[in-house]
Amino acid sequence: MKQLFLAALLAGGICLPVQAATVSKSYSYFTITGKTLDEIEQQLMTRGPEVKSTGGRHPGATQMEFTSRIGYAEVKGGCAIVSAQVTVKAKVILPRWRQNGKAAQDVKLIWNTLSSDIKRHEESHVVIAKNHARELEQALKAIGKQKSCDIAASKAKATSNRILNAHDRAQEEFDRIEGINFESRIVRLLRYRLERIDAGKLKN
């Protein structure tokens, strides 16, 4: 996680606009082939993005970069943080299935269900990051006046480390829970998709 601290040593009595955490999101895709579920699974496990935290490949991934811009002002008797803006740059990596020959309808159904769930999972990682970015902004602004700008910067760094570590733990916990519920979730989604197809609301 990258931290960029912008030290703006300004005169006191400055009114700055309220800023909110923002997310910049982009997508990239890797191609898989195969006509059977076993072939598709093998492709996902060999072509999916590598995740350093697990040391393996995954069917999808999201790369995050946090940037903090903090403005400091010298005030009477010390220094205060007068602005804080946190941005998240997220790159979502998803699979794209290129059918190698004609796949069975049940394979297409399961793939459509699985790929939608993979995208939902990765988008949820982005939401978790945005929530922690917002929390970080609020915590930085709440640091208040300190005896010096060096002390204010030190507290800002400690606050950032604490919340970014909490962010990492939240992401890991989300993955853990999603892994436990994977099979039941996919079965439920398959049933829902079949119901919509039968009702003519969705094409297979």
Protein backbone atom coordinates (compact mmCIF):
# COMPACT_ATOMS: atom_id res chain seq x y z
CA MET A 1 0.00 0.00 0.00
CA LYS A 2 1.47 3.32 -1.03
CA GLN A 3 1.15 6.33 1.20
CA LEU A 4 1.70 9.78 -0.27
CA PHE A 5 1.70 12.51 2.33
CA LEU A 6 1.30 16.03 0.99
CA ALA A 7 2.54 18.44 3.60
CA ALA A 8 0.96 21.80 2.98
CA LEU A 9 2.35 24.14 5.59
CA LEU A 10 -0.12 26.97 5.33
CA ALA A 11 -1.09 29.94 7.42
CA GLY A 12 -3.95 29.45 9.88
CA GLY A 13 -7.57 30.37 9.30
CA ILE A 14 -7.99 28.50 6.00
CA CYS A 15 -11.35 27.11 4.86
CA LEU A 16 -11.05 24.01 2.67
CA PRO A 17 -13.78 22.04 0.85
CA VAL A 18 -14.95 18.76 2.33
CA GLN A 19 -13.47 15.81 0.44
CA ALA A 20 -14.54 12.17 0.36
CA ALA A 21 -12.74 8.93 -0.33
CA THR A 22 -12.76 8.08 -4.02
CA VAL A 23 -12.18 4.88 -5.97
CA SER A 24 -10.66 4.56 -9.42
CA LYS A 25 -11.55 1.16 -10.88
CA SER A 26 -10.30 -0.62 -14.00
CA TYR A 27 -10.73 -4.11 -15.42
CA SER A 28 -8.48 -6.60 -17.17
CA TYR A 29 -9.24 -10.11 -18.38
CA PHE A 30 -7.47 -13.40 -18.92
CA THR A 31 -8.78 -15.91 -21.46
CA ILE A 32 -9.65 -19.51 -20.66
CA THR A 33 -10.88 -22.31 -22.93
CA GLY A 34 -12.41 -25.76 -22.50
CA LYS A 35 -15.68 -27.60 -23.17
CA THR A 36 -16.14 -29.38 -19.84
CA LEU A 37 -16.26 -28.15 -16.25
CA ASP A 38 -13.06 -30.05 -15.46
CA GLU A 39 -11.26 -28.34 -18.37
CA ILE A 40 -12.53 -24.92 -17.31
CA GLU A 41 -11.49 -25.51 -13.69
CA GLN A 42 -8.01 -26.57 -14.81
CA GLN A 43 -7.71 -23.44 -16.97
CA LEU A 44 -8.72 -21.20 -14.07
CA MET A 45 -6.13 -22.80 -11.81
CA THR A 46 -3.31 -22.51 -14.38
CA ARG A 47 -4.13 -19.17 -16.04
CA GLY A 48 -5.70 -17.23 -13.20
CA PRO A 49 -3.84 -14.34 -11.56
CA GLU A 50 -1.24 -15.14 -8.91
CA VAL A 51 -2.01 -13.80 -5.44
CA LYS A 52 1.05 -13.17 -3.29
CA SER A 53 -0.80 -13.54 0.01
CA THR A 54 -1.76 -17.14 -0.79
CA GLY A 55 1.08 -18.08 -3.13
CA GLY A 56 -1.34 -19.59 -5.65
CA ARG A 57 -3.50 -18.76 -8.64
CA HIS A 58 -7.12 -17.70 -8.31
CA PRO A 59 -10.10 -17.43 -10.70
CA GLY A 60 -10.14 -13.67 -10.08
CA ALA A 61 -8.20 -11.02 -8.18
CA THR A 62 -8.24 -7.33 -7.29
CA GLN A 63 -5.09 -5.24 -6.92
CA MET A 64 -5.40 -2.27 -4.54
CA GLU A 65 -3.32 0.86 -4.11
CA PHE A 66 -4.14 3.42 -1.41
CA THR A 67 -2.91 7.01 -1.72
CA SER A 68 -3.27 9.52 1.13
CA ARG A 69 -2.93 13.27 0.59
CA ILE A 70 -2.75 15.22 3.83
CA GLY A 71 -2.62 18.98 4.28
CA TYR A 72 -1.02 20.48 7.40
CA ALA A 73 -1.37 24.04 8.71
CA GLU A 74 0.68 25.86 11.31
CA VAL A 75 -1.78 27.24 13.84
CA LYS A 76 -1.37 29.12 17.07
CA GLY A 77 0.40 26.85 19.50
CA GLY A 78 1.07 24.01 17.10
CA CYS A 79 0.10 22.31 13.86
CA ALA A 80 -3.14 20.77 12.61
CA ILE A 81 -4.27 18.53 9.77
CA VAL A 82 -6.59 20.71 7.71
CA SER A 83 -7.34 18.31 4.86
CA ALA A 84 -7.14 14.60 4.16
CA GLN A 85 -8.07 12.78 0.99
CA VAL A 86 -7.68 9.04 0.46
CA THR A 87 -8.03 7.47 -2.96
CA VAL A 88 -8.09 3.80 -3.90
CA LYS A 89 -6.87 2.58 -7.27
CA ALA A 90 -8.39 -0.86 -7.90
CA LYS A 91 -7.59 -3.18 -10.80
CA VAL A 92 -10.09 -6.04 -11.09
CA ILE A 93 -8.85 -9.14 -12.94
CA LEU A 94 -11.56 -11.47 -14.27
CA PRO A 95 -11.76 -14.59 -16.47
CA ARG A 96 -13.19 -14.58 -19.99
CA TRP A 97 -14.31 -17.92 -21.43
CA ARG A 98 -13.62 -18.57 -25.11
CA GLN A 99 -15.49 -21.73 -26.02
CA ASN A 100 -13.31 -24.29 -27.78
CA GLY A 101 -15.99 -26.11 -29.71
CA LYS A 102 -19.59 -26.52 -28.63
CA ALA A 103 -20.07 -26.81 -24.88
CA ALA A 104 -23.11 -28.47 -23.31
CA GLN A 105 -25.94 -26.26 -22.08
CA ASP A 106 -25.39 -27.29 -18.45
CA VAL A 107 -21.73 -26.28 -18.73
CA LYS A 108 -22.76 -22.86 -20.09
CA LEU A 109 -25.28 -22.46 -17.28
CA ILE A 110 -22.75 -23.27 -14.58
CA TRP A 111 -20.12 -21.03 -16.18
CA ASN A 112 -22.48 -18.06 -16.40
CA THR A 113 -23.36 -18.54 -12.74
CA LEU A 114 -19.74 -18.98 -11.66
CA SER A 115 -18.39 -16.02 -13.65
CA SER A 116 -21.08 -13.73 -12.22
CA ASP A 117 -20.16 -14.86 -8.71
CA ILE A 118 -16.45 -14.27 -9.36
CA LYS A 119 -17.19 -10.71 -10.48
CA ARG A 120 -19.45 -10.08 -7.47
CA HIS A 121 -16.71 -11.38 -5.17
CA GLU A 122 -14.06 -9.07 -6.61
CA GLU A 123 -16.40 -6.06 -6.61
CA SER A 124 -16.99 -6.74 -2.91
CA HIS A 125 -13.25 -6.42 -2.30
CA VAL A 126 -13.44 -2.93 -3.83
CA VAL A 127 -16.33 -1.99 -1.53
CA ILE A 128 -14.33 -3.13 1.51
CA ALA A 129 -11.40 -0.99 0.37
CA LYS A 130 -13.62 2.06 -0.16
CA ASN A 131 -15.14 1.71 3.32
CA HIS A 132 -11.69 1.61 4.92
CA ALA A 133 -10.54 4.56 2.81
CA ARG A 134 -13.48 6.56 4.14
CA GLU A 135 -12.67 5.45 7.68
CA LEU A 136 -9.04 6.49 7.19
CA GLU A 137 -10.03 9.95 5.96
CA GLN A 138 -12.24 10.53 8.98
CA ALA A 139 -9.57 9.27 11.39
CA LEU A 140 -6.90 11.52 9.87
CA LYS A 141 -9.13 14.58 10.12
CA ALA A 142 -9.90 13.73 13.76
CA ILE A 143 -6.23 13.81 14.83
CA GLY A 144 -6.62 17.46 15.74
CA LYS A 145 -4.01 20.03 16.74
CA GLN A 146 -0.57 18.78 17.77
CA LYS A 147 2.49 20.54 19.17
CA SER A 148 4.28 20.35 15.82
CA CYS A 149 3.72 19.20 12.24
CA ASP A 150 6.25 16.42 12.77
CA ILE A 151 4.11 15.02 15.58
CA ALA A 152 0.97 15.40 13.47
CA ALA A 153 2.67 13.56 10.59
CA SER A 154 3.82 10.79 12.91
CA LYS A 155 0.28 10.32 14.23
CA ALA A 156 -1.06 10.34 10.68
CA LYS A 157 1.36 7.58 9.71
CA ALA A 158 0.43 5.47 12.75
CA THR A 159 -3.27 5.97 12.02
CA SER A 160 -2.78 4.97 8.39
CA ASN A 161 -0.87 1.82 9.35
CA ARG A 162 -3.54 0.82 11.86
CA ILE A 163 -6.47 1.22 9.46
CA LEU A 164 -4.68 -0.32 6.47
CA ASN A 165 -3.78 -3.34 8.59
CA ALA A 166 -7.45 -3.59 9.60
CA HIS A 167 -8.33 -3.38 5.91
CA ASP A 168 -6.05 -6.30 5.09
CA ARG A 169 -7.59 -8.38 7.88
CA ALA A 170 -11.11 -7.56 6.66
CA GLN A 171 -10.21 -8.67 3.14
CA GLU A 172 -8.77 -11.95 4.44
CA GLU A 173 -11.83 -12.59 6.60
CA PHE A 174 -14.12 -11.93 3.64
CA ASP A 175 -12.21 -14.48 1.55
CA ARG A 176 -12.40 -17.00 4.38
CA ILE A 177 -16.17 -16.69 4.75
CA GLU A 178 -16.73 -16.75 0.99
CA GLY A 179 -14.69 -19.94 0.73
CA ILE A 180 -16.76 -21.68 3.41
CA ASN A 181 -20.06 -20.71 1.76
CA PHE A 182 -18.97 -21.30 -1.85
CA GLU A 183 -20.84 -24.52 -2.64
CA SER A 184 -24.14 -23.55 -1.02
CA ARG A 185 -23.96 -20.11 -2.66
CA ILE A 186 -23.38 -21.53 -6.16
CA VAL A 187 -26.22 -24.05 -5.77
CA ARG A 188 -28.56 -21.25 -4.66
CA LEU A 189 -27.49 -19.04 -7.58
CA LEU A 190 -27.96 -21.90 -10.05
CA ARG A 191 -31.50 -22.49 -8.79
CA TYR A 192 -32.28 -18.79 -9.06
CA ARG A 193 -30.87 -18.61 -12.59
CA LEU A 194 -32.88 -21.68 -13.66
CA GLU A 195 -36.05 -20.14 -12.24
CA ARG A 196 -35.46 -16.94 -14.22
CA ILE A 197 -34.76 -18.94 -17.39
CA ASP A 198 -37.97 -20.95 -16.92
CA ALA A 199 -39.88 -17.70 -16.41
CA GLY A 200 -38.44 -16.29 -19.63
CA LYS A 201 -36.63 -13.49 -17.81
CA LEU A 202 -33.13 -14.70 -18.61
CA LYS A 203 -31.41 -16.47 -21.49
CA ASN A 204 -29.11 -19.39 -20.78
